PDB file of N, CA and C in Angstrom:
ATOM      1  N   UNK A   1     -29.664 116.094  82.744  1.00  0.00           N
ATOM      2  CA  UNK A   1     -31.003 115.740  83.118  1.00  0.00           C
ATOM      3  C   UNK A   1     -31.331 114.345  82.586  1.00  0.00           C
ATOM      4  N   UNK A   2     -31.922 113.528  83.398  1.00  0.00           N
ATOM      5  CA  UNK A   2     -32.277 112.180  83.003  1.00  0.00           C
ATOM      6  C   UNK A   2     -33.497 112.199  82.092  1.00  0.00           C
ATOM      7  N   UNK A   3     -33.436 111.356  81.076  1.00  0.00           N
ATOM      8  CA  UNK A   3     -34.559 111.225  80.159  1.00  0.00           C
ATOM      9  C   UNK A   3     -34.911 109.750  80.021  1.00  0.00           C
ATOM     10  N   UNK A   4     -36.180 109.499  79.816  1.00  0.00           N
ATOM     11  CA  UNK A   4     -36.647 108.138  79.621  1.00  0.00           C
ATOM     12  C   UNK A   4     -36.922 107.946  78.138  1.00  0.00           C
ATOM     13  N   UNK A   5     -36.465 106.817  77.603  1.00  0.00           N
ATOM     14  CA  UNK A   5     -36.746 106.496  76.220  1.00  0.00           C
ATOM     15  C   UNK A   5     -36.946 105.003  76.083  1.00  0.00           C
ATOM     16  N   UNK A   6     -37.549 104.622  74.983  1.00  0.00           N
ATOM     17  CA  UNK A   6     -37.822 103.216  74.717  1.00  0.00           C
ATOM     18  C   UNK A   6     -37.025 102.780  73.505  1.00  0.00           C
ATOM     19  N   UNK A   7     -36.319 101.668  73.649  1.00  0.00           N
ATOM     20  CA  UNK A   7     -35.590 101.065  72.540  1.00  0.00           C
ATOM     21  C   UNK A   7     -36.255  99.739  72.204  1.00  0.00           C
ATOM     22  N   UNK A   8     -36.212  99.390  70.933  1.00  0.00           N
ATOM     23  CA  UNK A   8     -36.647  98.066  70.501  1.00  0.00           C
ATOM     24  C   UNK A   8     -35.498  97.470  69.707  1.00  0.00           C
ATOM     25  N   UNK A   9     -34.946  96.380  70.214  1.00  0.00           N
ATOM     26  CA  UNK A   9     -33.844  95.694  69.551  1.00  0.00           C
ATOM     27  C   UNK A   9     -34.246  94.239  69.380  1.00  0.00           C
ATOM     28  N   UNK A  10     -34.255  93.782  68.154  1.00  0.00           N
ATOM     29  CA  UNK A  10     -34.632  92.400  67.830  1.00  0.00           C
ATOM     30  C   UNK A  10     -35.996  92.036  68.391  1.00  0.00           C
ATOM     31  N   UNK A  11     -36.897  92.990  68.331  1.00  0.00           N
ATOM     32  CA  UNK A  11     -38.249  92.745  68.806  1.00  0.00           C
ATOM     33  C   UNK A  11     -38.416  92.826  70.310  1.00  0.00           C
ATOM     34  N   UNK A  12     -37.352  93.136  71.012  1.00  0.00           N
ATOM     35  CA  UNK A  12     -37.401  93.254  72.466  1.00  0.00           C
ATOM     36  C   UNK A  12     -37.468  94.730  72.823  1.00  0.00           C
ATOM     37  N   UNK A  13     -38.503  95.102  73.544  1.00  0.00           N
ATOM     38  CA  UNK A  13     -38.718  96.497  73.943  1.00  0.00           C
ATOM     39  C   UNK A  13     -38.150  96.707  75.341  1.00  0.00           C
ATOM     40  N   UNK A  14     -37.394  97.788  75.491  1.00  0.00           N
ATOM     41  CA  UNK A  14     -36.817  98.109  76.799  1.00  0.00           C
ATOM     42  C   UNK A  14     -36.919  99.608  77.044  1.00  0.00           C
ATOM     43  N   UNK A  15     -37.358  99.967  78.231  1.00  0.00           N
ATOM     44  CA  UNK A  15     -37.400 101.368  78.646  1.00  0.00           C
ATOM     45  C   UNK A  15     -36.097 101.680  79.358  1.00  0.00           C
ATOM     46  N   UNK A  16     -35.495 102.798  78.994  1.00  0.00           N
ATOM     47  CA  UNK A  16     -34.194 103.189  79.532  1.00  0.00           C
ATOM     48  C   UNK A  16     -34.283 104.595  80.098  1.00  0.00           C
ATOM     49  N   UNK A  17     -33.667 104.806  81.259  1.00  0.00           N
ATOM     50  CA  UNK A  17     -33.503 106.142  81.819  1.00  0.00           C
ATOM     51  C   UNK A  17     -32.020 106.462  81.704  1.00  0.00           C
ATOM     52  N   UNK A  18     -31.706 107.574  81.052  1.00  0.00           N
ATOM     53  CA  UNK A  18     -30.309 107.901  80.792  1.00  0.00           C
ATOM     54  C   UNK A  18     -30.066 109.396  80.906  1.00  0.00           C
ATOM     55  N   UNK A  19     -28.828 109.731  81.214  1.00  0.00           N
ATOM     56  CA  UNK A  19     -28.402 111.129  81.194  1.00  0.00           C
ATOM     57  C   UNK A  19     -27.751 111.472  79.863  1.00  0.00           C
ATOM     58  N   UNK A  20     -27.498 110.446  79.063  1.00  0.00           N
ATOM     59  CA  UNK A  20     -26.896 110.661  77.750  1.00  0.00           C
ATOM     60  C   UNK A  20     -27.917 111.226  76.777  1.00  0.00           C
ATOM     61  N   UNK A  21     -27.404 111.799  75.697  1.00  0.00           N
ATOM     62  CA  UNK A  21     -28.254 112.311  74.631  1.00  0.00           C
ATOM     63  C   UNK A  21     -29.101 111.155  74.090  1.00  0.00           C
ATOM     64  N   UNK A  22     -30.424 111.324  74.035  1.00  0.00           N
ATOM     65  CA  UNK A  22     -31.286 110.252  73.536  1.00  0.00           C
ATOM     66  C   UNK A  22     -30.897 109.761  72.140  1.00  0.00           C
ATOM     67  N   UNK A  23     -30.443 110.661  71.283  1.00  0.00           N
ATOM     68  CA  UNK A  23     -30.035 110.243  69.940  1.00  0.00           C
ATOM     69  C   UNK A  23     -28.811 109.334  69.984  1.00  0.00           C
ATOM     70  N   UNK A  24     -27.911 109.599  70.931  1.00  0.00           N
ATOM     71  CA  UNK A  24     -26.737 108.741  71.112  1.00  0.00           C
ATOM     72  C   UNK A  24     -27.185 107.342  71.520  1.00  0.00           C
ATOM     73  N   UNK A  25     -28.095 107.256  72.480  1.00  0.00           N
ATOM     74  CA  UNK A  25     -28.570 105.962  72.969  1.00  0.00           C
ATOM     75  C   UNK A  25     -29.334 105.224  71.868  1.00  0.00           C
ATOM     76  N   UNK A  26     -30.142 105.942  71.114  1.00  0.00           N
ATOM     77  CA  UNK A  26     -30.851 105.324  69.998  1.00  0.00           C
ATOM     78  C   UNK A  26     -29.862 104.797  68.958  1.00  0.00           C
ATOM     79  N   UNK A  27     -28.776 105.538  68.759  1.00  0.00           N
ATOM     80  CA  UNK A  27     -27.727 105.086  67.844  1.00  0.00           C
ATOM     81  C   UNK A  27     -27.090 103.794  68.319  1.00  0.00           C
ATOM     82  N   UNK A  28     -26.882 103.679  69.629  1.00  0.00           N
ATOM     83  CA  UNK A  28     -26.366 102.424  70.180  1.00  0.00           C
ATOM     84  C   UNK A  28     -27.331 101.282  69.898  1.00  0.00           C
ATOM     85  N   UNK A  29     -28.617 101.560  70.050  1.00  0.00           N
ATOM     86  CA  UNK A  29     -29.632 100.552  69.758  1.00  0.00           C
ATOM     87  C   UNK A  29     -29.596 100.116  68.302  1.00  0.00           C
ATOM     88  N   UNK A  30     -29.405 101.084  67.398  1.00  0.00           N
ATOM     89  CA  UNK A  30     -29.318 100.751  65.970  1.00  0.00           C
ATOM     90  C   UNK A  30     -28.076  99.912  65.677  1.00  0.00           C
ATOM     91  N   UNK A  31     -26.951 100.253  66.307  1.00  0.00           N
ATOM     92  CA  UNK A  31     -25.735  99.455  66.116  1.00  0.00           C
ATOM     93  C   UNK A  31     -25.933  98.021  66.601  1.00  0.00           C
ATOM     94  N   UNK A  32     -26.561  97.884  67.759  1.00  0.00           N
ATOM     95  CA  UNK A  32     -26.819  96.555  68.299  1.00  0.00           C
ATOM     96  C   UNK A  32     -27.767  95.778  67.388  1.00  0.00           C
ATOM     97  N   UNK A  33     -28.794  96.442  66.900  1.00  0.00           N
ATOM     98  CA  UNK A  33     -29.749  95.794  65.988  1.00  0.00           C
ATOM     99  C   UNK A  33     -29.039  95.285  64.739  1.00  0.00           C
ATOM    100  N   UNK A  34     -28.149  96.096  64.180  1.00  0.00           N
ATOM    101  CA  UNK A  34     -27.415  95.686  62.986  1.00  0.00           C
ATOM    102  C   UNK A  34     -26.508  94.501  63.273  1.00  0.00           C
ATOM    103  N   UNK A  35     -25.802  94.563  64.404  1.00  0.00           N
ATOM    104  CA  UNK A  35     -24.888  93.464  64.764  1.00  0.00           C
ATOM    105  C   UNK A  35     -25.670  92.168  64.972  1.00  0.00           C
ATOM    106  N   UNK A  36     -26.795  92.242  65.653  1.00  0.00           N
ATOM    107  CA  UNK A  36     -27.624  91.055  65.871  1.00  0.00           C
ATOM    108  C   UNK A  36     -28.122  90.522  64.530  1.00  0.00           C
ATOM    109  N   UNK A  37     -28.600  91.402  63.677  1.00  0.00           N
ATOM    110  CA  UNK A  37     -29.093  90.984  62.356  1.00  0.00           C
ATOM    111  C   UNK A  37     -27.996  90.302  61.557  1.00  0.00           C
ATOM    112  N   UNK A  38     -26.790  90.872  61.585  1.00  0.00           N
ATOM    113  CA  UNK A  38     -25.663  90.268  60.869  1.00  0.00           C
ATOM    114  C   UNK A  38     -25.367  88.868  61.395  1.00  0.00           C
ATOM    115  N   UNK A  39     -25.408  88.695  62.711  1.00  0.00           N
ATOM    116  CA  UNK A  39     -25.129  87.384  63.296  1.00  0.00           C
ATOM    117  C   UNK A  39     -26.221  86.366  62.957  1.00  0.00           C
ATOM    118  N   UNK A  40     -27.468  86.802  62.967  1.00  0.00           N
ATOM    119  CA  UNK A  40     -28.575  85.896  62.653  1.00  0.00           C
ATOM    120  C   UNK A  40     -28.531  85.503  61.173  1.00  0.00           C
ATOM    121  N   UNK A  41     -28.262  86.484  60.312  1.00  0.00           N
ATOM    122  CA  UNK A  41     -28.225  86.211  58.870  1.00  0.00           C
ATOM    123  C   UNK A  41     -27.069  85.268  58.525  1.00  0.00           C
ATOM    124  N   UNK A  42     -25.941  85.408  59.242  1.00  0.00           N
ATOM    125  CA  UNK A  42     -24.759  84.600  58.919  1.00  0.00           C
ATOM    126  C   UNK A  42     -24.876  83.155  59.382  1.00  0.00           C
ATOM    127  N   UNK A  43     -25.922  82.820  60.111  1.00  0.00           N
ATOM    128  CA  UNK A  43     -26.089  81.455  60.614  1.00  0.00           C
ATOM    129  C   UNK A  43     -27.531  81.015  60.413  1.00  0.00           C
ATOM    130  N   UNK A  44     -27.696  79.829  59.887  1.00  0.00           N
ATOM    131  CA  UNK A  44     -29.056  79.330  59.662  1.00  0.00           C
ATOM    132  C   UNK A  44     -29.686  78.803  60.948  1.00  0.00           C
ATOM    133  N   UNK A  45     -28.890  78.584  61.976  1.00  0.00           N
ATOM    134  CA  UNK A  45     -29.437  78.006  63.211  1.00  0.00           C
ATOM    135  C   UNK A  45     -29.457  78.977  64.384  1.00  0.00           C
ATOM    136  N   UNK A  46     -28.808  80.109  64.249  1.00  0.00           N
ATOM    137  CA  UNK A  46     -28.707  81.041  65.380  1.00  0.00           C
ATOM    138  C   UNK A  46     -29.989  81.824  65.570  1.00  0.00           C
ATOM    139  N   UNK A  47     -30.476  81.863  66.790  1.00  0.00           N
ATOM    140  CA  UNK A  47     -31.662  82.623  67.141  1.00  0.00           C
ATOM    141  C   UNK A  47     -31.258  84.019  67.590  1.00  0.00           C
ATOM    142  N   UNK A  48     -32.225  84.931  67.630  1.00  0.00           N
ATOM    143  CA  UNK A  48     -31.935  86.312  68.021  1.00  0.00           C
ATOM    144  C   UNK A  48     -31.403  86.404  69.443  1.00  0.00           C
ATOM    145  N   UNK A  49     -31.955  85.612  70.356  1.00  0.00           N
ATOM    146  CA  UNK A  49     -31.466  85.692  71.740  1.00  0.00           C
ATOM    147  C   UNK A  49     -30.024  85.208  71.843  1.00  0.00           C
ATOM    148  N   UNK A  50     -29.651  84.222  71.060  1.00  0.00           N
ATOM    149  CA  UNK A  50     -28.255  83.779  71.037  1.00  0.00           C
ATOM    150  C   UNK A  50     -27.358  84.871  70.469  1.00  0.00           C
ATOM    151  N   UNK A  51     -27.837  85.529  69.425  1.00  0.00           N
ATOM    152  CA  UNK A  51     -27.069  86.616  68.814  1.00  0.00           C
ATOM    153  C   UNK A  51     -26.899  87.766  69.797  1.00  0.00           C
ATOM    154  N   UNK A  52     -27.935  88.077  70.572  1.00  0.00           N
ATOM    155  CA  UNK A  52     -27.831  89.130  71.584  1.00  0.00           C
ATOM    156  C   UNK A  52     -26.779  88.771  72.631  1.00  0.00           C
ATOM    157  N   UNK A  53     -26.766  87.519  73.059  1.00  0.00           N
ATOM    158  CA  UNK A  53     -25.754  87.092  74.033  1.00  0.00           C
ATOM    159  C   UNK A  53     -24.352  87.170  73.443  1.00  0.00           C
ATOM    160  N   UNK A  54     -24.195  86.765  72.197  1.00  0.00           N
ATOM    161  CA  UNK A  54     -22.889  86.868  71.547  1.00  0.00           C
ATOM    162  C   UNK A  54     -22.437  88.316  71.448  1.00  0.00           C
ATOM    163  N   UNK A  55     -23.368  89.215  71.124  1.00  0.00           N
ATOM    164  CA  UNK A  55     -23.033  90.641  71.066  1.00  0.00           C
ATOM    165  C   UNK A  55     -22.576  91.140  72.429  1.00  0.00           C
ATOM    166  N   UNK A  56     -23.301  90.763  73.470  1.00  0.00           N
ATOM    167  CA  UNK A  56     -22.938  91.195  74.821  1.00  0.00           C
ATOM    168  C   UNK A  56     -21.544  90.695  75.180  1.00  0.00           C
ATOM    169  N   UNK A  57     -21.264  89.430  74.911  1.00  0.00           N
ATOM    170  CA  UNK A  57     -19.935  88.881  75.206  1.00  0.00           C
ATOM    171  C   UNK A  57     -18.860  89.587  74.392  1.00  0.00           C
ATOM    172  N   UNK A  58     -19.155  89.840  73.137  1.00  0.00           N
ATOM    173  CA  UNK A  58     -18.205  90.511  72.252  1.00  0.00           C
ATOM    174  C   UNK A  58     -17.873  91.913  72.755  1.00  0.00           C
ATOM    175  N   UNK A  59     -18.901  92.673  73.126  1.00  0.00           N
ATOM    176  CA  UNK A  59     -18.690  94.033  73.609  1.00  0.00           C
ATOM    177  C   UNK A  59     -17.980  94.046  74.967  1.00  0.00           C
ATOM    178  N   UNK A  60     -18.311  93.106  75.842  1.00  0.00           N
ATOM    179  CA  UNK A  60     -17.620  93.024  77.135  1.00  0.00           C
ATOM    180  C   UNK A  60     -16.152  92.664  76.942  1.00  0.00           C
ATOM    181  N   UNK A  61     -15.880  91.748  76.025  1.00  0.00           N
ATOM    182  CA  UNK A  61     -14.503  91.373  75.727  1.00  0.00           C
ATOM    183  C   UNK A  61     -13.727  92.579  75.221  1.00  0.00           C
ATOM    184  N   UNK A  62     -14.315  93.309  74.281  1.00  0.00           N
ATOM    185  CA  UNK A  62     -13.653  94.495  73.744  1.00  0.00           C
ATOM    186  C   UNK A  62     -13.423  95.537  74.840  1.00  0.00           C
ATOM    187  N   UNK A  63     -14.413  95.748  75.683  1.00  0.00           N
ATOM    188  CA  UNK A  63     -14.302  96.710  76.785  1.00  0.00           C
ATOM    189  C   UNK A  63     -13.169  96.331  77.727  1.00  0.00           C
ATOM    190  N   UNK A  64     -13.121  95.060  78.106  1.00  0.00           N
ATOM    191  CA  UNK A  64     -12.078  94.615  79.037  1.00  0.00           C
ATOM    192  C   UNK A  64     -10.690  94.757  78.435  1.00  0.00           C
ATOM    193  N   UNK A  65     -10.548  94.414  77.169  1.00  0.00           N
ATOM    194  CA  UNK A  65      -9.244  94.541  76.513  1.00  0.00           C
ATOM    195  C   UNK A  65      -8.830  96.001  76.400  1.00  0.00           C
ATOM    196  N   UNK A  66      -9.776  96.882  76.078  1.00  0.00           N
ATOM    197  CA  UNK A  66      -9.459  98.312  76.000  1.00  0.00           C
ATOM    198  C   UNK A  66      -9.116  98.882  77.372  1.00  0.00           C
ATOM    199  N   UNK A  67      -9.815  98.419  78.400  1.00  0.00           N
ATOM    200  CA  UNK A  67      -9.527  98.869  79.761  1.00  0.00           C
ATOM    201  C   UNK A  67      -8.115  98.444  80.176  1.00  0.00           C
ATOM    202  N   UNK A  68      -7.755  97.213  79.862  1.00  0.00           N
ATOM    203  CA  UNK A  68      -6.407  96.721  80.175  1.00  0.00           C
ATOM    204  C   UNK A  68      -5.349  97.513  79.411  1.00  0.00           C
ATOM    205  N   UNK A  69      -5.603  97.776  78.134  1.00  0.00           N
ATOM    206  CA  UNK A  69      -4.677  98.563  77.326  1.00  0.00           C
ATOM    207  C   UNK A  69      -4.545  99.973  77.882  1.00  0.00           C
ATOM    208  N   UNK A  70      -5.643 100.560  78.310  1.00  0.00           N
ATOM    209  CA  UNK A  70      -5.642 101.888  78.897  1.00  0.00           C
ATOM    210  C   UNK A  70      -4.783 101.926  80.158  1.00  0.00           C
ATOM    211  N   UNK A  71      -4.917 100.922  81.010  1.00  0.00           N
ATOM    212  CA  UNK A  71      -4.113 100.866  82.231  1.00  0.00           C
ATOM    213  C   UNK A  71      -2.627 100.752  81.908  1.00  0.00           C
ATOM    214  N   UNK A  72      -2.283  99.942  80.923  1.00  0.00           N
ATOM    215  CA  UNK A  72      -0.884  99.808  80.518  1.00  0.00           C
ATOM    216  C   UNK A  72      -0.333 101.129  80.000  1.00  0.00           C
ATOM    217  N   UNK A  73      -1.134 101.839  79.219  1.00  0.00           N
ATOM    218  CA  UNK A  73      -0.700 103.140  78.701  1.00  0.00           C
ATOM    219  C   UNK A  73      -0.514 104.165  79.812  1.00  0.00           C
ATOM    220  N   UNK A  74      -1.417 104.137  80.808  1.00  0.00           N
ATOM    221  CA  UNK A  74      -1.267 105.030  81.950  1.00  0.00           C
ATOM    222  C   UNK A  74       0.017 104.736  82.708  1.00  0.00           C
ATOM    223  N   UNK A  75       0.334 103.458  82.893  1.00  0.00           N
ATOM    224  CA  UNK A  75       1.580 103.075  83.577  1.00  0.00           C
ATOM    225  C   UNK A  75       2.797 103.537  82.780  1.00  0.00           C
ATOM    226  N   UNK A  76       2.723 103.390  81.473  1.00  0.00           N
ATOM    227  CA  UNK A  76       3.832 103.805  80.630  1.00  0.00           C
ATOM    228  C   UNK A  76       4.025 105.322  80.699  1.00  0.00           C
ATOM    229  N   UNK A  77       2.946 106.066  80.684  1.00  0.00           N
ATOM    230  CA  UNK A  77       3.020 107.534  80.800  1.00  0.00           C
ATOM    231  C   UNK A  77       3.640 107.912  82.126  1.00  0.00           C
ATOM    232  N   UNK A  78       3.235 107.240  83.196  1.00  0.00           N
ATOM    233  CA  UNK A  78       3.796 107.531  84.521  1.00  0.00           C
ATOM    234  C   UNK A  78       5.291 107.275  84.554  1.00  0.00           C
ATOM    235  N   UNK A  79       5.722 106.188  83.929  1.00  0.00           N
ATOM    236  CA  UNK A  79       7.162 105.879  83.886  1.00  0.00           C
ATOM    237  C   UNK A  79       7.942 106.909  83.092  1.00  0.00           C
ATOM    238  N   UNK A  80       7.323 107.481  82.067  1.00  0.00           N
ATOM    239  CA  UNK A  80       8.013 108.442  81.211  1.00  0.00           C
ATOM    240  C   UNK A  80       8.105 109.836  81.836  1.00  0.00           C
ATOM    241  N   UNK A  81       7.321 110.083  82.861  1.00  0.00           N
ATOM    242  CA  UNK A  81       7.348 111.407  83.493  1.00  0.00           C
ATOM    243  C   UNK A  81       8.557 111.582  84.361  1.00  0.00           C
TER     244      UNK A  81
END
């Protein structure tokens, strides 16, 4: 069942409709908030919006690399059968 919830990350409020457990989604928001805070604290010139973009790029990069690794593993499993 879809549920609507509101997240606030770095002062930005967003309404989300999700089928996932709301606590899971809130946990994602907390992880993102921590990552953004870490990036802002580690740089005297970085703004929150820049940190959010860096987080997005970082997560997309990780996702793409994991997807590629997953495909390679699937091919290897197929060869071993």
